[in-house]
Amino acid sequence: MKLFLFVTFAWSWGIAVAAFAAGWVAFPFVENDKNAYPMVIAFMCGPMIGALVAAAANGDFVNVLRLSFRPNIWWARAFMFPAALVILAHAISLFVPGIEAARPFGAIAPLLTPEQRSQLSALPPLTIDALLLVQAGLVGALINSVLLVNEELGWRGFMLSKLSQLGFWPRHLTIGFVWGVWHIPIIAAGHNYPGEPVLGSALFTVYCMLLAPIIGYYAERANSVFGATIFHGTFNAMAAASMLALAGGSVFERGVVGWPGMALLALGCLWLALDKSKDATAPSADRTV
């Protein structure tokens, strides 16, 4: 575990500190910084690299990384649940005073022809929201589920295997805490909570601790790290589309990273606390040395 954590944090935090210190990426993030996206992608590879190095040291990849390629019904459920969660958080956000459906032309306008922009302008904002969420769910989720192998090989692959002897809550809250702390450099730079480096970092760590048991539950039910990548990929893709389609209010009041999403995650954890069957889905203990 120590080797995994060292490599993961050294890679990710090292890239972030180097990029910000050298001025290659602005701190905090600025709009349309062409270097920010490649830096974040490289940052996100830390858990995968840490997991691969640690698994190589253990002499086992398939078991310790939970690499089961056999699809099952929980792969489908790992898509449906986060989609419903984001849609519900989005709907709740629209009832928060000061928040409204936005016309997200700024992000998608370069991809459209003048005729398409004209047609889109005639649509009600809620219709645009629905189109964005559907597209994110069907296309973005597929792409993100592949990309997020770089995180999940570490969190719900290697780390979950190593903590398998702990109870459900200790193992997933530990993963959630580490997961949240690992994000601090990019959260402090403005990811998810722009302009809120300290409170945003603290809140996102709590957020990860609420989300980790839910993703972990689906990963364990699927008996594969890919249950987690599907959940995480769907969740991130649709959450990004949701935030794009909401305007007004503060960053703490909108979408899944605001209080609507956190309240739903807390309810999800309460549901898990009442579901005794989760204890029968614990991952197999890691037998590597």
Protein backbone atom coordinates (compact mmCIF):
# COMPACT_ATOMS: atom_id res chain seq x y z
CA MET A 1 0.00 0.00 0.00
CA LYS A 2 2.82 2.43 0.85
CA LEU A 3 4.40 1.96 -2.58
CA PHE A 4 1.05 2.57 -4.31
CA LEU A 5 0.38 5.76 -2.35
CA PHE A 6 3.92 7.07 -2.83
CA VAL A 7 3.93 6.57 -6.60
CA THR A 8 0.37 7.87 -7.02
CA PHE A 9 0.92 11.11 -5.10
CA ALA A 10 4.47 11.65 -6.36
CA TRP A 11 3.29 11.38 -9.98
CA SER A 12 0.10 13.44 -9.72
CA TRP A 13 1.17 16.12 -7.26
CA GLY A 14 4.60 16.33 -8.91
CA ILE A 15 3.03 17.06 -12.30
CA ALA A 16 0.68 19.66 -10.83
CA VAL A 17 3.36 21.47 -8.82
CA ALA A 18 5.79 21.45 -11.75
CA ALA A 19 3.16 22.74 -14.21
CA PHE A 20 2.00 25.54 -11.91
CA ALA A 21 5.52 26.50 -10.75
CA ALA A 22 6.84 26.67 -14.32
CA GLY A 23 3.88 28.76 -15.45
CA TRP A 24 2.95 26.16 -18.05
CA VAL A 25 -0.55 26.10 -16.54
CA ALA A 26 -2.07 29.11 -14.79
CA PHE A 27 -2.86 28.89 -11.09
CA PRO A 28 -5.72 29.27 -10.55
CA PHE A 29 -7.04 27.85 -13.81
CA VAL A 30 -8.10 30.37 -16.44
CA GLU A 31 -10.64 29.87 -19.18
CA ASN A 32 -9.36 28.49 -22.50
CA ASP A 33 -5.93 27.56 -21.15
CA LYS A 34 -4.82 25.05 -23.78
CA ASN A 35 -2.29 23.47 -21.39
CA ALA A 36 -4.70 22.83 -18.51
CA TYR A 37 -6.49 19.86 -20.04
CA PRO A 38 -3.33 17.86 -20.91
CA MET A 39 -1.99 18.56 -17.42
CA VAL A 40 -5.17 17.29 -15.77
CA ILE A 41 -5.16 14.15 -17.94
CA ALA A 42 -1.54 13.45 -16.95
CA PHE A 43 -2.43 14.17 -13.30
CA MET A 44 -5.27 11.63 -13.44
CA CYS A 45 -2.88 8.86 -14.52
CA GLY A 46 -1.25 8.78 -11.08
CA PRO A 47 -3.47 6.06 -9.52
CA MET A 48 -3.09 3.81 -12.56
CA ILE A 49 0.69 4.14 -12.55
CA GLY A 50 0.82 3.61 -8.79
CA ALA A 51 -1.39 0.52 -9.09
CA LEU A 52 0.64 -0.99 -11.92
CA VAL A 53 3.94 -0.44 -10.08
CA ALA A 54 2.56 -1.87 -6.83
CA ALA A 55 0.92 -4.82 -8.62
CA ALA A 56 4.20 -5.59 -10.38
CA ALA A 57 5.95 -5.57 -7.02
CA ASN A 58 3.32 -8.05 -5.78
CA GLY A 59 3.73 -10.24 -8.86
CA ASP A 60 -0.01 -10.26 -9.55
CA PHE A 61 -2.05 -8.04 -11.85
CA VAL A 62 -5.39 -9.77 -12.48
CA ASN A 63 -6.42 -10.42 -8.88
CA VAL A 64 -4.95 -7.42 -7.14
CA LEU A 65 -6.34 -5.00 -9.76
CA ARG A 66 -9.72 -6.83 -9.85
CA LEU A 67 -9.55 -7.28 -13.62
CA SER A 68 -12.63 -9.33 -14.41
CA PHE A 69 -13.77 -8.82 -18.01
CA ARG A 70 -17.01 -10.81 -17.71
CA PRO A 71 -20.02 -8.44 -18.08
CA ASN A 72 -22.98 -8.85 -15.75
CA ILE A 73 -26.16 -7.00 -14.81
CA TRP A 74 -24.25 -4.78 -12.38
CA TRP A 75 -22.34 -3.22 -15.28
CA ALA A 76 -25.69 -1.96 -16.60
CA ARG A 77 -26.79 -0.83 -13.15
CA ALA A 78 -23.48 0.99 -12.73
CA PHE A 79 -24.56 3.08 -15.74
CA MET A 80 -28.18 3.63 -14.75
CA PHE A 81 -27.76 4.67 -11.11
CA PRO A 82 -25.28 7.55 -11.63
CA ALA A 83 -27.32 8.77 -14.60
CA ALA A 84 -30.41 8.95 -12.40
CA LEU A 85 -28.41 10.60 -9.62
CA VAL A 86 -27.14 13.41 -11.86
CA ILE A 87 -30.55 14.02 -13.42
CA LEU A 88 -32.17 14.25 -9.99
CA ALA A 89 -29.47 16.60 -8.65
CA HIS A 90 -29.90 18.75 -11.76
CA ALA A 91 -33.66 18.90 -11.26
CA ILE A 92 -33.30 19.83 -7.58
CA SER A 93 -30.82 22.58 -8.48
CA LEU A 94 -33.41 24.25 -10.71
CA PHE A 95 -35.60 24.80 -7.63
CA VAL A 96 -32.80 26.61 -5.76
CA PRO A 97 -33.45 30.39 -5.76
CA GLY A 98 -31.19 32.17 -8.26
CA ILE A 99 -30.37 29.08 -10.32
CA GLU A 100 -31.86 28.57 -13.76
CA ALA A 101 -31.41 26.51 -16.90
CA ALA A 102 -28.67 28.03 -19.05
CA ARG A 103 -28.12 28.09 -22.78
CA PRO A 104 -24.64 26.58 -22.89
CA PHE A 105 -23.63 27.99 -26.27
CA GLY A 106 -20.21 29.12 -25.08
CA ALA A 107 -18.88 25.58 -24.88
CA ILE A 108 -20.63 23.97 -27.83
CA ALA A 109 -21.01 26.86 -30.31
CA PRO A 110 -17.65 26.19 -32.07
CA LEU A 111 -18.92 22.70 -32.89
CA LEU A 112 -22.08 23.93 -34.61
CA THR A 113 -22.86 25.45 -37.98
CA PRO A 114 -24.65 28.84 -38.05
CA GLU A 115 -27.86 27.05 -39.04
CA GLN A 116 -27.55 24.63 -36.12
CA ARG A 117 -26.92 27.51 -33.70
CA SER A 118 -30.03 29.24 -35.00
CA GLN A 119 -32.11 26.09 -34.55
CA LEU A 120 -30.72 25.55 -31.06
CA SER A 121 -31.53 29.13 -30.07
CA ALA A 122 -35.20 28.43 -30.75
CA LEU A 123 -35.31 25.59 -28.22
CA PRO A 124 -36.34 26.14 -24.59
CA PRO A 125 -33.40 25.89 -22.14
CA LEU A 126 -34.87 22.80 -20.46
CA THR A 127 -34.96 21.01 -23.82
CA ILE A 128 -31.30 21.86 -24.34
CA ASP A 129 -30.55 20.52 -20.86
CA ALA A 130 -32.26 17.24 -21.71
CA LEU A 131 -30.37 16.92 -25.01
CA LEU A 132 -27.03 17.57 -23.29
CA LEU A 133 -27.67 15.05 -20.53
CA VAL A 134 -28.78 12.36 -22.98
CA GLN A 135 -25.74 12.95 -25.17
CA ALA A 136 -23.44 12.89 -22.14
CA GLY A 137 -25.05 9.70 -20.92
CA LEU A 138 -24.77 7.85 -24.21
CA VAL A 139 -21.53 9.17 -25.69
CA GLY A 140 -19.61 10.89 -22.91
CA ALA A 141 -20.14 8.01 -20.51
CA LEU A 142 -18.69 5.53 -22.99
CA ILE A 143 -15.58 7.64 -23.56
CA ASN A 144 -15.16 8.52 -19.89
CA SER A 145 -15.56 4.93 -18.77
CA VAL A 146 -12.47 4.06 -20.81
CA LEU A 147 -10.50 7.11 -19.70
CA LEU A 148 -11.28 6.61 -16.02
CA VAL A 149 -9.54 3.26 -15.93
CA ASN A 150 -6.56 5.49 -15.11
CA GLU A 151 -8.11 6.35 -11.74
CA GLU A 152 -10.10 3.26 -10.91
CA LEU A 153 -7.25 0.77 -11.30
CA GLY A 154 -5.89 2.52 -8.23
CA TRP A 155 -8.95 3.26 -6.08
CA ARG A 156 -11.41 0.43 -6.72
CA GLY A 157 -8.73 -1.89 -8.10
CA PHE A 158 -5.53 -2.08 -6.10
CA MET A 159 -6.61 -0.14 -3.00
CA LEU A 160 -9.92 -1.98 -2.64
CA SER A 161 -8.12 -5.33 -2.88
CA LYS A 162 -5.62 -4.29 -0.24
CA LEU A 163 -8.34 -3.12 2.16
CA SER A 164 -10.57 -6.16 1.60
CA GLN A 165 -10.15 -7.42 5.15
CA LEU A 166 -11.68 -4.26 6.59
CA GLY A 167 -15.42 -3.82 6.96
CA PHE A 168 -17.50 -2.15 4.24
CA TRP A 169 -17.46 1.36 5.74
CA PRO A 170 -13.80 1.47 6.89
CA ARG A 171 -12.48 0.34 3.51
CA HIS A 172 -14.60 2.70 1.42
CA LEU A 173 -14.32 5.73 3.69
CA THR A 174 -10.54 5.26 3.69
CA ILE A 175 -10.50 5.10 -0.10
CA GLY A 176 -12.77 8.16 -0.25
CA PHE A 177 -10.54 10.19 2.05
CA VAL A 178 -7.37 9.38 0.09
CA TRP A 179 -9.22 9.98 -3.17
CA GLY A 180 -10.36 13.41 -2.01
CA VAL A 181 -6.95 14.49 -0.68
CA TRP A 182 -5.31 13.35 -3.93
CA HIS A 183 -7.53 15.84 -5.83
CA ILE A 184 -6.43 18.87 -3.77
CA PRO A 185 -3.97 20.43 -6.29
CA ILE A 186 -6.56 20.67 -9.06
CA ILE A 187 -9.45 21.53 -6.74
CA ALA A 188 -7.38 24.36 -5.23
CA ALA A 189 -6.67 25.54 -8.77
CA GLY A 190 -10.39 25.93 -9.42
CA HIS A 191 -11.69 22.58 -10.66
CA ASN A 192 -15.33 22.12 -9.56
CA TYR A 193 -15.21 25.05 -7.10
CA PRO A 194 -13.56 28.02 -8.86
CA GLY A 195 -12.46 30.74 -6.49
CA GLU A 196 -12.74 28.50 -3.42
CA PRO A 197 -9.33 26.80 -2.98
CA VAL A 198 -9.59 26.02 0.75
CA LEU A 199 -13.28 25.40 1.30
CA GLY A 200 -13.55 23.70 -2.08
CA SER A 201 -10.72 21.27 -1.26
CA ALA A 202 -12.22 20.42 2.13
CA LEU A 203 -15.73 20.03 0.73
CA PHE A 204 -14.58 17.84 -2.15
CA THR A 205 -12.80 15.49 0.27
CA VAL A 206 -16.11 15.05 2.13
CA TYR A 207 -17.81 14.64 -1.25
CA CYS A 208 -15.44 11.82 -2.21
CA MET A 209 -16.05 10.12 1.13
CA LEU A 210 -19.80 10.18 0.42
CA LEU A 211 -19.39 8.95 -3.16
CA ALA A 212 -16.77 6.25 -2.49
CA PRO A 213 -19.07 3.79 -0.67
CA ILE A 214 -21.63 4.02 -3.48
CA ILE A 215 -19.13 3.47 -6.30
CA GLY A 216 -17.46 0.78 -4.20
CA TYR A 217 -20.77 -1.00 -3.71
CA TYR A 218 -21.27 -1.26 -7.48
CA ALA A 219 -17.65 -2.32 -8.01
CA GLU A 220 -18.05 -5.11 -5.49
CA ARG A 221 -21.41 -6.22 -6.84
CA ALA A 222 -19.95 -6.31 -10.35
CA ASN A 223 -16.95 -8.22 -8.96
CA SER A 224 -14.75 -6.10 -11.22
CA VAL A 225 -12.97 -2.78 -11.33
CA PHE A 226 -14.98 -2.10 -14.50
CA GLY A 227 -18.14 -1.70 -12.45
CA ALA A 228 -16.39 1.32 -10.93
CA THR A 229 -15.09 2.69 -14.24
CA ILE A 230 -18.60 2.57 -15.77
CA PHE A 231 -20.13 4.28 -12.73
CA HIS A 232 -17.38 6.90 -12.50
CA GLY A 233 -17.33 7.55 -16.24
CA THR A 234 -21.10 7.98 -16.48
CA PHE A 235 -21.21 10.15 -13.38
CA ASN A 236 -18.43 12.50 -14.53
CA ALA A 237 -19.72 12.86 -18.09
CA MET A 238 -23.26 13.68 -17.08
CA ALA A 239 -22.15 15.88 -14.15
CA ALA A 240 -20.08 18.02 -16.53
CA ALA A 241 -23.04 18.40 -18.89
CA SER A 242 -25.29 19.28 -15.96
CA MET A 243 -22.96 22.00 -14.69
CA LEU A 244 -22.72 23.42 -18.21
CA ALA A 245 -26.50 23.71 -18.34
CA LEU A 246 -26.97 25.48 -14.97
CA ALA A 247 -26.51 29.19 -14.37
CA GLY A 248 -26.67 31.46 -11.33
CA GLY A 249 -26.24 30.77 -7.64
CA SER A 250 -22.94 29.80 -6.04
CA VAL A 251 -20.71 26.86 -6.92
CA PHE A 252 -21.89 25.18 -3.73
CA GLU A 253 -25.54 25.25 -4.79
CA ARG A 254 -25.41 23.74 -8.29
CA GLY A 255 -25.51 20.18 -9.54
CA VAL A 256 -23.88 17.08 -8.13
CA VAL A 257 -20.88 18.87 -6.59
CA GLY A 258 -23.14 21.31 -4.76
CA TRP A 259 -25.44 20.61 -1.84
CA PRO A 260 -28.16 18.99 -4.02
CA GLY A 261 -25.73 16.29 -5.13
CA MET A 262 -24.17 15.88 -1.69
CA ALA A 263 -27.61 15.49 -0.10
CA LEU A 264 -28.46 12.73 -2.59
CA LEU A 265 -25.12 11.01 -1.92
CA ALA A 266 -25.82 11.14 1.82
CA LEU A 267 -29.20 9.50 1.18
CA GLY A 268 -27.42 6.87 -0.95
CA CYS A 269 -25.08 6.12 1.96
CA LEU A 270 -28.08 5.85 4.29
CA TRP A 271 -29.62 3.35 1.89
CA LEU A 272 -26.37 1.34 1.95
CA ALA A 273 -26.34 1.45 5.74
CA LEU A 274 -29.75 -0.24 5.72
CA ASP A 275 -28.78 -2.78 3.04
CA LYS A 276 -27.33 -5.75 4.91
CA SER A 277 -26.62 -7.62 1.66
CA LYS A 278 -23.63 -5.37 0.97
CA ASP A 279 -21.62 -7.30 3.57
CA ALA A 280 -21.85 -10.41 1.40
CA THR A 281 -20.22 -8.66 -1.55
CA ALA A 282 -16.85 -7.95 0.07
CA PRO A 283 -13.96 -8.41 -2.37
CA SER A 284 -11.81 -11.47 -1.97
CA ALA A 285 -8.90 -10.94 0.37
CA ASP A 286 -5.65 -10.17 -1.38
CA ARG A 287 -3.42 -13.20 -1.06
CA THR A 288 -0.32 -11.53 -2.49
CA VAL A 289 2.69 -10.87 -0.31
